[in-house]
Amino acid sequence: MATLKPMTPLQPQMQASMKPPSPLRAPEQQPLKPTTPLQPKNAPKTPMSHPHRR
């Protein structure tokens, strides 16, 4: 419990900073999700798979 006390103040700070990117990444991930499984199946060593992972 003591270890959670110092982390509690850090959690809200991280969530606040992640809130803006979360809505932007949500729509991006949706179209990428269907493409990701198709890319590795066709060619897991594709050059596009590297930037996507980054």
PDB file of N, CA and C in Angstrom:
ATOM      1  N   MET A   1       0.838  -1.205   0.000  1.00  0.00           N
ATOM      2  CA  MET A   1       0.000   0.000   0.000  1.00  0.00           C
ATOM      3  C   MET A   1       0.880   1.264   0.000  1.00  0.00           C
ATOM      4  N   ALA A   2       1.959   1.222   0.781  1.00  0.00           N
ATOM      5  CA  ALA A   2       2.839   2.403   0.861  1.00  0.00           C
ATOM      6  C   ALA A   2       3.421   2.715  -0.522  1.00  0.00           C
ATOM      7  N   THR A   3       3.743   1.665  -1.292  1.00  0.00           N
ATOM      8  CA  THR A   3       4.326   1.886  -2.620  1.00  0.00           C
ATOM      9  C   THR A   3       3.287   2.508  -3.557  1.00  0.00           C
ATOM     10  N   LEU A   4       2.012   2.245  -3.318  1.00  0.00           N
ATOM     11  CA  LEU A   4       0.963   2.790  -4.183  1.00  0.00           C
ATOM     12  C   LEU A   4       0.754   4.279  -3.901  1.00  0.00           C
ATOM     13  N   LYS A   5       0.998   4.707  -2.672  1.00  0.00           N
ATOM     14  CA  LYS A   5       0.784   6.121  -2.316  1.00  0.00           C
ATOM     15  C   LYS A   5       1.575   7.052  -3.245  1.00  0.00           C
ATOM     16  N   PRO A   6       2.889   6.857  -3.394  1.00  0.00           N
ATOM     17  CA  PRO A   6       3.660   7.745  -4.289  1.00  0.00           C
ATOM     18  C   PRO A   6       3.251   7.592  -5.753  1.00  0.00           C
ATOM     19  N   MET A   7       2.757   6.423  -6.125  1.00  0.00           N
ATOM     20  CA  MET A   7       2.365   6.193  -7.524  1.00  0.00           C
ATOM     21  C   MET A   7       1.020   6.856  -7.831  1.00  0.00           C
ATOM     22  N   THR A   8       0.153   6.977  -6.844  1.00  0.00           N
ATOM     23  CA  THR A   8      -1.174   7.566  -7.071  1.00  0.00           C
ATOM     24  C   THR A   8      -1.061   8.959  -7.709  1.00  0.00           C
ATOM     25  N   PRO A   9      -0.213   9.855  -7.166  1.00  0.00           N
ATOM     26  CA  PRO A   9      -0.092  11.199  -7.766  1.00  0.00           C
ATOM     27  C   PRO A   9       0.492  11.150  -9.178  1.00  0.00           C
ATOM     28  N   LEU A  10       1.282  10.136  -9.463  1.00  0.00           N
ATOM     29  CA  LEU A  10       1.888  10.007 -10.793  1.00  0.00           C
ATOM     30  C   LEU A  10       0.861   9.492 -11.800  1.00  0.00           C
ATOM     31  N   GLN A  11      -0.024   8.631 -11.355  1.00  0.00           N
ATOM     32  CA  GLN A  11      -1.027   8.063 -12.272  1.00  0.00           C
ATOM     33  C   GLN A  11      -1.906   9.148 -12.901  1.00  0.00           C
ATOM     34  N   PRO A  12      -2.506  10.028 -12.082  1.00  0.00           N
ATOM     35  CA  PRO A  12      -3.364  11.088 -12.658  1.00  0.00           C
ATOM     36  C   PRO A  12      -2.590  11.988 -13.612  1.00  0.00           C
ATOM     37  N   GLN A  13      -1.330  12.266 -13.285  1.00  0.00           N
ATOM     38  CA  GLN A  13      -0.514  13.115 -14.164  1.00  0.00           C
ATOM     39  C   GLN A  13      -0.316  12.437 -15.521  1.00  0.00           C
ATOM     40  N   MET A  14      -0.011  11.151 -15.504  1.00  0.00           N
ATOM     41  CA  MET A  14       0.227  10.422 -16.759  1.00  0.00           C
ATOM     42  C   MET A  14      -1.081  10.298 -17.546  1.00  0.00           C
ATOM     43  N   GLN A  15      -2.179  10.051 -16.837  1.00  0.00           N
ATOM     44  CA  GLN A  15      -3.472   9.902 -17.516  1.00  0.00           C
ATOM     45  C   GLN A  15      -3.841  11.204 -18.229  1.00  0.00           C
ATOM     46  N   ALA A  16      -3.627  12.327 -17.561  1.00  0.00           N
ATOM     47  CA  ALA A  16      -3.971  13.628 -18.151  1.00  0.00           C
ATOM     48  C   ALA A  16      -3.189  13.829 -19.451  1.00  0.00           C
ATOM     49  N   SER A  17      -1.899  13.527 -19.426  1.00  0.00           N
ATOM     50  CA  SER A  17      -1.068  13.718 -20.625  1.00  0.00           C
ATOM     51  C   SER A  17      -1.459  12.704 -21.706  1.00  0.00           C
ATOM     52  N   MET A  18      -1.939  11.534 -21.295  1.00  0.00           N
ATOM     53  CA  MET A  18      -2.311  10.495 -22.267  1.00  0.00           C
ATOM     54  C   MET A  18      -3.731  10.727 -22.800  1.00  0.00           C
ATOM     55  N   LYS A  19      -4.524  11.503 -22.098  1.00  0.00           N
ATOM     56  CA  LYS A  19      -5.909  11.749 -22.531  1.00  0.00           C
ATOM     57  C   LYS A  19      -5.968  12.334 -23.952  1.00  0.00           C
ATOM     58  N   PRO A  20      -5.205  13.393 -24.248  1.00  0.00           N
ATOM     59  CA  PRO A  20      -5.257  13.970 -25.607  1.00  0.00           C
ATOM     60  C   PRO A  20      -4.856  12.976 -26.698  1.00  0.00           C
ATOM     61  N   PRO A  21      -3.755  12.231 -26.533  1.00  0.00           N
ATOM     62  CA  PRO A  21      -3.339  11.263 -27.562  1.00  0.00           C
ATOM     63  C   PRO A  21      -4.268  10.055 -27.636  1.00  0.00           C
ATOM     64  N   SER A  22      -4.904   9.692 -26.517  1.00  0.00           N
ATOM     65  CA  SER A  22      -5.770   8.499 -26.507  1.00  0.00           C
ATOM     66  C   SER A  22      -6.874   8.617 -27.575  1.00  0.00           C
ATOM     67  N   PRO A  23      -7.611   9.732 -27.628  1.00  0.00           N
ATOM     68  CA  PRO A  23      -8.677   9.859 -28.641  1.00  0.00           C
ATOM     69  C   PRO A  23      -8.124   9.903 -30.061  1.00  0.00           C
ATOM     70  N   LEU A  24      -6.925  10.440 -30.218  1.00  0.00           N
ATOM     71  CA  LEU A  24      -6.325  10.519 -31.554  1.00  0.00           C
ATOM     72  C   LEU A  24      -5.814   9.146 -31.996  1.00  0.00           C
ATOM     73  N   ARG A  25      -5.303   8.380 -31.042  1.00  0.00           N
ATOM     74  CA  ARG A  25      -4.766   7.061 -31.395  1.00  0.00           C
ATOM     75  C   ARG A  25      -5.895   6.054 -31.605  1.00  0.00           C
ATOM     76  N   ALA A  26      -7.000   6.240 -30.911  1.00  0.00           N
ATOM     77  CA  ALA A  26      -8.127   5.298 -31.019  1.00  0.00           C
ATOM     78  C   ALA A  26      -8.568   5.160 -32.486  1.00  0.00           C
ATOM     79  N   PRO A  27      -8.882   6.274 -33.170  1.00  0.00           N
ATOM     80  CA  PRO A  27      -9.318   6.176 -34.576  1.00  0.00           C
ATOM     81  C   PRO A  27      -8.210   5.643 -35.479  1.00  0.00           C
ATOM     82  N   GLU A  28      -6.973   5.966 -35.152  1.00  0.00           N
ATOM     83  CA  GLU A  28      -5.848   5.485 -35.983  1.00  0.00           C
ATOM     84  C   GLU A  28      -5.656   3.979 -35.816  1.00  0.00           C
ATOM     85  N   GLN A  29      -5.814   3.505 -34.589  1.00  0.00           N
ATOM     86  CA  GLN A  29      -5.606   2.074 -34.329  1.00  0.00           C
ATOM     87  C   GLN A  29      -6.704   1.244 -34.999  1.00  0.00           C
ATOM     88  N   GLN A  30      -7.926   1.748 -35.024  1.00  0.00           N
ATOM     89  CA  GLN A  30      -9.037   0.990 -35.618  1.00  0.00           C
ATOM     90  C   GLN A  30      -8.716   0.566 -37.056  1.00  0.00           C
ATOM     91  N   PRO A  31      -8.361   1.504 -37.942  1.00  0.00           N
ATOM     92  CA  PRO A  31      -8.044   1.127 -39.335  1.00  0.00           C
ATOM     93  C   PRO A  31      -6.753   0.327 -39.437  1.00  0.00           C
ATOM     94  N   LEU A  32      -5.835   0.539 -38.487  1.00  0.00           N
ATOM     95  CA  LEU A  32      -4.546  -0.171 -38.522  1.00  0.00           C
ATOM     96  C   LEU A  32      -4.709  -1.609 -38.034  1.00  0.00           C
ATOM     97  N   LYS A  33      -5.633  -1.827 -37.110  1.00  0.00           N
ATOM     98  CA  LYS A  33      -5.828  -3.185 -36.575  1.00  0.00           C
ATOM     99  C   LYS A  33      -6.077  -4.200 -37.697  1.00  0.00           C
ATOM    100  N   PRO A  34      -7.025  -3.940 -38.602  1.00  0.00           N
ATOM    101  CA  PRO A  34      -7.298  -4.903 -39.687  1.00  0.00           C
ATOM    102  C   PRO A  34      -6.117  -5.036 -40.651  1.00  0.00           C
ATOM    103  N   THR A  35      -5.367  -3.965 -40.839  1.00  0.00           N
ATOM    104  CA  THR A  35      -4.230  -4.005 -41.773  1.00  0.00           C
ATOM    105  C   THR A  35      -3.043  -4.734 -41.143  1.00  0.00           C
ATOM    106  N   THR A  36      -2.842  -4.567 -39.843  1.00  0.00           N
ATOM    107  CA  THR A  36      -1.700  -5.219 -39.177  1.00  0.00           C
ATOM    108  C   THR A  36      -1.718  -6.735 -39.379  1.00  0.00           C
ATOM    109  N   PRO A  37      -2.848  -7.410 -39.129  1.00  0.00           N
ATOM    110  CA  PRO A  37      -2.878  -8.874 -39.301  1.00  0.00           C
ATOM    111  C   PRO A  37      -2.682  -9.282 -40.759  1.00  0.00           C
ATOM    112  N   LEU A  38      -3.082  -8.424 -41.692  1.00  0.00           N
ATOM    113  CA  LEU A  38      -2.945  -8.761 -43.115  1.00  0.00           C
ATOM    114  C   LEU A  38      -1.492  -8.585 -43.561  1.00  0.00           C
ATOM    115  N   GLN A  39      -0.822  -7.578 -43.026  1.00  0.00           N
ATOM    116  CA  GLN A  39       0.582  -7.328 -43.419  1.00  0.00           C
ATOM    117  C   GLN A  39       1.493  -8.490 -43.024  1.00  0.00           C
ATOM    118  N   PRO A  40       1.495  -8.885 -41.740  1.00  0.00           N
ATOM    119  CA  PRO A  40       2.379  -9.988 -41.312  1.00  0.00           C
ATOM    120  C   PRO A  40       2.057 -11.281 -42.051  1.00  0.00           C
ATOM    121  N   LYS A  41       0.774 -11.523 -42.332  1.00  0.00           N
ATOM    122  CA  LYS A  41       0.389 -12.766 -43.036  1.00  0.00           C
ATOM    123  C   LYS A  41       0.960 -12.755 -44.458  1.00  0.00           C
ATOM    124  N   ASN A  42       0.870 -11.598 -45.126  1.00  0.00           N
ATOM    125  CA  ASN A  42       1.389 -11.508 -46.500  1.00  0.00           C
ATOM    126  C   ASN A  42       2.916 -11.517 -46.490  1.00  0.00           C
ATOM    127  N   ALA A  43       3.498 -10.715 -45.586  1.00  0.00           N
ATOM    128  CA  ALA A  43       4.971 -10.650 -45.509  1.00  0.00           C
ATOM    129  C   ALA A  43       5.371 -10.038 -44.161  1.00  0.00           C
ATOM    130  N   PRO A  44       5.724 -10.864 -43.191  1.00  0.00           N
ATOM    131  CA  PRO A  44       6.093 -10.354 -41.854  1.00  0.00           C
ATOM    132  C   PRO A  44       7.358  -9.502 -41.883  1.00  0.00           C
ATOM    133  N   LYS A  45       8.175  -9.654 -42.938  1.00  0.00           N
ATOM    134  CA  LYS A  45       9.423  -8.878 -43.040  1.00  0.00           C
ATOM    135  C   LYS A  45       9.234  -7.650 -43.941  1.00  0.00           C
ATOM    136  N   THR A  46       8.014  -7.119 -44.005  1.00  0.00           N
ATOM    137  CA  THR A  46       7.751  -5.953 -44.855  1.00  0.00           C
ATOM    138  C   THR A  46       8.374  -4.704 -44.229  1.00  0.00           C
ATOM    139  N   PRO A  47       8.812  -3.748 -45.039  1.00  0.00           N
ATOM    140  CA  PRO A  47       9.417  -2.515 -44.514  1.00  0.00           C
ATOM    141  C   PRO A  47       8.395  -1.640 -43.797  1.00  0.00           C
ATOM    142  N   MET A  48       7.114  -1.797 -44.133  1.00  0.00           N
ATOM    143  CA  MET A  48       6.070  -0.983 -43.502  1.00  0.00           C
ATOM    144  C   MET A  48       5.813  -1.446 -42.066  1.00  0.00           C
ATOM    145  N   SER A  49       6.047  -2.720 -41.797  1.00  0.00           N
ATOM    146  CA  SER A  49       5.788  -3.243 -40.447  1.00  0.00           C
ATOM    147  C   SER A  49       6.715  -2.564 -39.437  1.00  0.00           C
ATOM    148  N   HIS A  50       7.930  -2.183 -39.860  1.00  0.00           N
ATOM    149  CA  HIS A  50       8.870  -1.541 -38.929  1.00  0.00           C
ATOM    150  C   HIS A  50       8.360  -0.170 -38.468  1.00  0.00           C
ATOM    151  N   PRO A  51       7.998   0.737 -39.393  1.00  0.00           N
ATOM    152  CA  PRO A  51       7.499   2.064 -38.967  1.00  0.00           C
ATOM    153  C   PRO A  51       6.234   1.938 -38.141  1.00  0.00           C
ATOM    154  N   HIS A  52       5.370   0.974 -38.473  1.00  0.00           N
ATOM    155  CA  HIS A  52       4.134   0.801 -37.701  1.00  0.00           C
ATOM    156  C   HIS A  52       4.464   0.471 -36.251  1.00  0.00           C
ATOM    157  N   ARG A  53       5.440  -0.420 -36.057  1.00  0.00           N
ATOM    158  CA  ARG A  53       5.804  -0.818 -34.686  1.00  0.00           C
ATOM    159  C   ARG A  53       6.431   0.352 -33.937  1.00  0.00           C
ATOM    160  N   ARG A  54       7.178   1.183 -34.658  1.00  0.00           N
ATOM    161  CA  ARG A  54       7.820   2.342 -34.023  1.00  0.00           C
ATOM    162  C   ARG A  54       6.747   3.290 -33.533  1.00  0.00           C
TER     163      ARG A  54
END
